[in-house]
Amino acid sequence: MTNDGSGAFGPLEVDSRGMRCPWPALRLARAMREADDVLLLADDPQAAREVAALAAEHGWRLATETGAASESRWRVRRD
């Protein structure tokens, strides 16, 4: 994780590239305990489904962002 997630410097970045599910979703859940705005990076193809389900369960806003062809990026925010 690269910043404090306070929003002053943008979202808290969580790099879960190289991790297989459920780890990207677990790291997102932990980061959302500390921050209201998180950018999650993952390269596991199953992560999209897991992240979407977690966001829906908690009522978080989820937006997909463009990244490298081999990775996915999601901006997750608490309302």
N, C-alpha and C. Protein backbone atom coordinates (compact mmCIF):
# COMPACT_ATOMS: atom_id res chain seq x y z
N MET A 1 0.85 -1.17 0.00
CA MET A 1 0.00 0.00 0.00
C MET A 1 0.89 1.22 0.00
N THR A 2 0.48 2.25 -0.75
CA THR A 2 1.43 3.32 -0.97
C THR A 2 1.11 4.67 -0.37
N ASN A 3 -0.08 4.91 0.15
CA ASN A 3 -0.32 6.17 0.85
C ASN A 3 -1.34 5.96 1.95
N ASP A 4 -1.67 7.03 2.66
CA ASP A 4 -2.53 6.86 3.84
C ASP A 4 -4.01 6.77 3.53
N GLY A 5 -4.42 6.96 2.27
CA GLY A 5 -5.81 6.81 1.90
C GLY A 5 -6.72 7.93 2.35
N SER A 6 -6.14 9.02 2.82
CA SER A 6 -6.96 10.12 3.30
C SER A 6 -7.58 10.92 2.18
N GLY A 7 -7.14 10.69 0.95
CA GLY A 7 -7.69 11.41 -0.18
C GLY A 7 -6.85 12.62 -0.56
N ALA A 8 -5.95 13.04 0.32
CA ALA A 8 -5.13 14.21 0.04
C ALA A 8 -4.19 13.96 -1.15
N PHE A 9 -3.76 12.73 -1.30
CA PHE A 9 -2.83 12.39 -2.37
C PHE A 9 -3.44 11.41 -3.35
N GLY A 10 -4.73 11.24 -3.33
CA GLY A 10 -5.40 10.29 -4.20
C GLY A 10 -5.73 9.03 -3.44
N PRO A 11 -6.12 7.99 -4.15
CA PRO A 11 -6.55 6.75 -3.48
C PRO A 11 -5.37 5.99 -2.88
N LEU A 12 -5.68 5.18 -1.90
CA LEU A 12 -4.72 4.24 -1.35
C LEU A 12 -4.51 3.16 -2.40
N GLU A 13 -3.28 2.92 -2.81
CA GLU A 13 -3.01 1.93 -3.85
C GLU A 13 -2.66 0.59 -3.22
N VAL A 14 -3.37 -0.44 -3.66
CA VAL A 14 -3.14 -1.81 -3.18
C VAL A 14 -2.73 -2.65 -4.38
N ASP A 15 -1.49 -3.12 -4.37
CA ASP A 15 -0.95 -3.91 -5.47
C ASP A 15 -1.04 -5.39 -5.11
N SER A 16 -1.97 -6.09 -5.75
CA SER A 16 -2.11 -7.53 -5.50
C SER A 16 -1.76 -8.33 -6.75
N ARG A 17 -0.97 -7.73 -7.63
CA ARG A 17 -0.52 -8.47 -8.81
C ARG A 17 0.33 -9.65 -8.37
N GLY A 18 0.12 -10.78 -9.02
CA GLY A 18 0.84 -12.00 -8.68
C GLY A 18 0.13 -12.84 -7.63
N MET A 19 -0.95 -12.29 -7.05
CA MET A 19 -1.71 -13.04 -6.05
C MET A 19 -2.96 -13.63 -6.69
N ARG A 20 -3.32 -14.80 -6.26
CA ARG A 20 -4.51 -15.47 -6.77
C ARG A 20 -5.65 -15.29 -5.79
N CYS A 21 -6.87 -15.33 -6.30
CA CYS A 21 -8.05 -15.18 -5.45
C CYS A 21 -8.05 -16.28 -4.41
N PRO A 22 -8.43 -15.89 -3.23
CA PRO A 22 -9.17 -14.70 -2.83
C PRO A 22 -8.31 -13.54 -2.35
N TRP A 23 -6.98 -13.61 -2.50
CA TRP A 23 -6.11 -12.59 -1.92
C TRP A 23 -6.36 -11.17 -2.39
N PRO A 24 -6.61 -10.89 -3.68
CA PRO A 24 -6.90 -9.49 -4.05
C PRO A 24 -8.12 -8.94 -3.31
N ALA A 25 -9.18 -9.72 -3.20
CA ALA A 25 -10.38 -9.26 -2.49
C ALA A 25 -10.10 -9.09 -1.00
N LEU A 26 -9.33 -9.98 -0.41
CA LEU A 26 -8.99 -9.85 1.01
C LEU A 26 -8.15 -8.61 1.28
N ARG A 27 -7.21 -8.34 0.39
CA ARG A 27 -6.38 -7.13 0.56
C ARG A 27 -7.22 -5.87 0.38
N LEU A 28 -8.20 -5.91 -0.54
CA LEU A 28 -9.10 -4.78 -0.71
C LEU A 28 -9.92 -4.56 0.56
N ALA A 29 -10.47 -5.62 1.11
CA ALA A 29 -11.28 -5.50 2.32
C ALA A 29 -10.47 -4.90 3.46
N ARG A 30 -9.24 -5.33 3.61
CA ARG A 30 -8.39 -4.78 4.67
C ARG A 30 -8.09 -3.30 4.44
N ALA A 31 -7.81 -2.94 3.19
CA ALA A 31 -7.51 -1.55 2.87
C ALA A 31 -8.72 -0.65 3.11
N MET A 32 -9.92 -1.16 2.83
CA MET A 32 -11.12 -0.35 3.00
C MET A 32 -11.44 -0.13 4.48
N ARG A 33 -10.82 -0.86 5.38
CA ARG A 33 -10.97 -0.57 6.81
C ARG A 33 -10.27 0.73 7.17
N GLU A 34 -9.21 1.06 6.42
CA GLU A 34 -8.38 2.21 6.73
C GLU A 34 -8.65 3.41 5.83
N ALA A 35 -9.22 3.19 4.66
CA ALA A 35 -9.36 4.26 3.66
C ALA A 35 -10.76 4.25 3.05
N ASP A 36 -11.16 5.40 2.55
CA ASP A 36 -12.45 5.52 1.87
C ASP A 36 -12.31 5.45 0.36
N ASP A 37 -11.07 5.45 -0.13
CA ASP A 37 -10.80 5.48 -1.57
C ASP A 37 -9.58 4.60 -1.83
N VAL A 38 -9.77 3.52 -2.59
CA VAL A 38 -8.70 2.55 -2.83
C VAL A 38 -8.60 2.26 -4.32
N LEU A 39 -7.37 2.16 -4.80
CA LEU A 39 -7.10 1.71 -6.16
C LEU A 39 -6.46 0.33 -6.05
N LEU A 40 -7.16 -0.69 -6.53
CA LEU A 40 -6.69 -2.07 -6.46
C LEU A 40 -6.14 -2.49 -7.81
N LEU A 41 -4.94 -3.06 -7.81
CA LEU A 41 -4.33 -3.62 -9.01
C LEU A 41 -4.26 -5.13 -8.85
N ALA A 42 -4.72 -5.85 -9.85
CA ALA A 42 -4.69 -7.32 -9.80
C ALA A 42 -4.53 -7.88 -11.19
N ASP A 43 -3.93 -9.06 -11.28
CA ASP A 43 -3.79 -9.71 -12.59
C ASP A 43 -4.43 -11.09 -12.64
N ASP A 44 -5.12 -11.49 -11.59
CA ASP A 44 -5.86 -12.75 -11.59
C ASP A 44 -7.18 -12.54 -12.31
N PRO A 45 -7.48 -13.32 -13.34
CA PRO A 45 -8.73 -13.15 -14.08
C PRO A 45 -9.99 -13.32 -13.22
N GLN A 46 -9.91 -14.06 -12.13
CA GLN A 46 -11.06 -14.25 -11.24
C GLN A 46 -11.30 -13.06 -10.32
N ALA A 47 -10.34 -12.17 -10.22
CA ALA A 47 -10.45 -11.04 -9.28
C ALA A 47 -11.65 -10.15 -9.59
N ALA A 48 -11.98 -9.97 -10.85
CA ALA A 48 -13.09 -9.08 -11.21
C ALA A 48 -14.38 -9.52 -10.54
N ARG A 49 -14.66 -10.79 -10.58
CA ARG A 49 -15.89 -11.31 -9.97
C ARG A 49 -15.85 -11.15 -8.45
N GLU A 50 -14.72 -11.48 -7.84
CA GLU A 50 -14.58 -11.39 -6.38
C GLU A 50 -14.69 -9.94 -5.90
N VAL A 51 -14.03 -9.04 -6.59
CA VAL A 51 -14.04 -7.63 -6.21
C VAL A 51 -15.45 -7.05 -6.36
N ALA A 52 -16.11 -7.38 -7.46
CA ALA A 52 -17.48 -6.88 -7.67
C ALA A 52 -18.43 -7.38 -6.59
N ALA A 53 -18.30 -8.65 -6.21
CA ALA A 53 -19.17 -9.21 -5.17
C ALA A 53 -18.90 -8.55 -3.82
N LEU A 54 -17.64 -8.32 -3.50
CA LEU A 54 -17.29 -7.68 -2.24
C LEU A 54 -17.82 -6.25 -2.18
N ALA A 55 -17.64 -5.51 -3.27
CA ALA A 55 -18.13 -4.13 -3.32
C ALA A 55 -19.65 -4.09 -3.19
N ALA A 56 -20.34 -4.98 -3.86
CA ALA A 56 -21.81 -5.01 -3.78
C ALA A 56 -22.27 -5.35 -2.36
N GLU A 57 -21.59 -6.27 -1.74
CA GLU A 57 -21.95 -6.68 -0.38
C GLU A 57 -21.83 -5.54 0.63
N HIS A 58 -20.83 -4.68 0.43
CA HIS A 58 -20.57 -3.59 1.37
C HIS A 58 -21.14 -2.25 0.93
N GLY A 59 -21.69 -2.18 -0.28
CA GLY A 59 -22.25 -0.93 -0.77
C GLY A 59 -21.20 0.07 -1.23
N TRP A 60 -20.04 -0.43 -1.64
CA TRP A 60 -18.98 0.44 -2.13
C TRP A 60 -19.18 0.72 -3.61
N ARG A 61 -18.78 1.92 -4.05
CA ARG A 61 -18.81 2.25 -5.48
C ARG A 61 -17.58 1.63 -6.13
N LEU A 62 -17.77 1.04 -7.29
CA LEU A 62 -16.69 0.34 -7.98
C LEU A 62 -16.61 0.85 -9.41
N ALA A 63 -15.42 1.26 -9.82
CA ALA A 63 -15.20 1.70 -11.20
C ALA A 63 -13.95 1.00 -11.73
N THR A 64 -14.04 0.46 -12.93
CA THR A 64 -12.89 -0.17 -13.57
C THR A 64 -12.08 0.91 -14.27
N GLU A 65 -10.77 0.88 -14.08
CA GLU A 65 -9.89 1.83 -14.74
C GLU A 65 -9.00 1.08 -15.71
N THR A 66 -8.48 1.78 -16.70
CA THR A 66 -7.61 1.14 -17.68
C THR A 66 -6.20 1.02 -17.12
N GLY A 67 -5.57 -0.07 -17.44
CA GLY A 67 -4.21 -0.33 -17.01
C GLY A 67 -3.49 -1.11 -18.08
N ALA A 68 -2.41 -1.74 -17.72
CA ALA A 68 -1.67 -2.58 -18.66
C ALA A 68 -2.57 -3.73 -19.09
N ALA A 69 -2.28 -4.29 -20.25
CA ALA A 69 -3.11 -5.36 -20.80
C ALA A 69 -3.19 -6.58 -19.88
N SER A 70 -2.16 -6.81 -19.09
CA SER A 70 -2.13 -8.00 -18.25
C SER A 70 -2.68 -7.77 -16.85
N GLU A 71 -3.15 -6.55 -16.56
CA GLU A 71 -3.66 -6.27 -15.22
C GLU A 71 -4.98 -5.53 -15.27
N SER A 72 -5.71 -5.63 -14.19
CA SER A 72 -6.95 -4.88 -14.03
C SER A 72 -6.77 -3.90 -12.89
N ARG A 73 -7.51 -2.80 -12.97
CA ARG A 73 -7.44 -1.77 -11.93
C ARG A 73 -8.86 -1.37 -11.58
N TRP A 74 -9.15 -1.34 -10.29
CA TRP A 74 -10.47 -0.92 -9.82
C TRP A 74 -10.31 0.20 -8.82
N ARG A 75 -11.14 1.22 -8.98
CA ARG A 75 -11.21 2.30 -7.99
C ARG A 75 -12.42 2.00 -7.14
N VAL A 76 -12.22 1.83 -5.85
CA VAL A 76 -13.29 1.46 -4.92
C VAL A 76 -13.42 2.59 -3.92
N ARG A 77 -14.66 3.08 -3.76
CA ARG A 77 -14.91 4.19 -2.85
C ARG A 77 -16.09 3.89 -1.94
N ARG A 78 -15.96 4.38 -0.75
CA ARG A 78 -17.05 4.27 0.21
C ARG A 78 -17.91 5.53 0.06
N ASP A 79 -19.22 5.36 0.00
CA ASP A 79 -20.12 6.51 -0.12
C ASP A 79 -20.30 7.21 1.20
